[in-house]
Amino acid sequence: MPSRSMGCTEAVAVIADFDLDLCSDEVIARLAPSGPAFRARPARMLVDELLARIGEERLVKAQASYRCIALRSAAGRGIDLDVQQMFEPGCRLSQRSRAGFLLVAAWSLGPAVSLAVTDAFRERRALQALLLDEIASLLLFRLGEQLLARVRERLAARGLGVGRPQAPGDGQVALAAQARLLRLAGAARIGVSLGDSGTLAPLKTATALAPVGQDIRQPRQDWSCAGCASRNSCRLRWRGWRGTGHGSRLR
């Protein structure tokens, strides 16, 4: 089990053996595609073709990296200042009083699927491009779920719990913290970087941090639209998506 005597951080862990199997029924249920274009050509046919293409062309290379870092300062006097500066003024890490460590993580589908979306738009296959992009978003959600489940299992064996993940730009974690989060999580080891405009590369990439400790309570639902910076423009939310994890549902 980690202890404060271990120093500031544990080594970066990289995971690349995810199973992101997604069936057409699940995609159609969650995205609920409709409109003249889908009446002319059944949505299920399009989804089946795109899922097959993702597999055959290996458009998804799912990888994740994470690390646990000590929350306390070297002197043991309160939260490390560098960690506190990752949050917006007046905000703080959930269950901070119970946490001894901070989990920082990054996960990505790799660049190929986003390049395929761009190519489809350029070739004026907008319907396929939009559907492929949304399938990739579902896969990214699933990757985040699987990563967190694995990390929880590994840390539970050491007597530690993991709380609700928070992401840069969610109103609590500062968007400016993205660069530090990527560095701490060892994201460069899975090919993730931050562009000058603040955009993550590859595009289908996500990051988060979460409290870790012996007395941390696991939330009933990890991800929520309520705290997402993209909630007003998210097409998944328009279709009734309410976050993943326990309690998720479609309306």
Foldseek 3Di string as FASTA:
>chain_A
DDDPVVDFWDDKDKDFDDDLDDALVRLCVLLVDDDPVCVVPPPSVLSVVLVVCCVVVVQFRKMKMKIKTFQADPVRDGGDPVVQVQWDPPADAPPVVFFGIKMKMKIFRAQRLVVVLVVCVVVVVPVSSVSSVVVLLVSLLVSVVVVVVVVQVVVVVVLKHKEAWDFDQLNTGPLVCVQVSCVNRVVVVVVWDADPVRAIPPNSMGITMIGMHNPYDYDQARDALNRDNCSVPDSSVVQAFGHDHHPTDRD
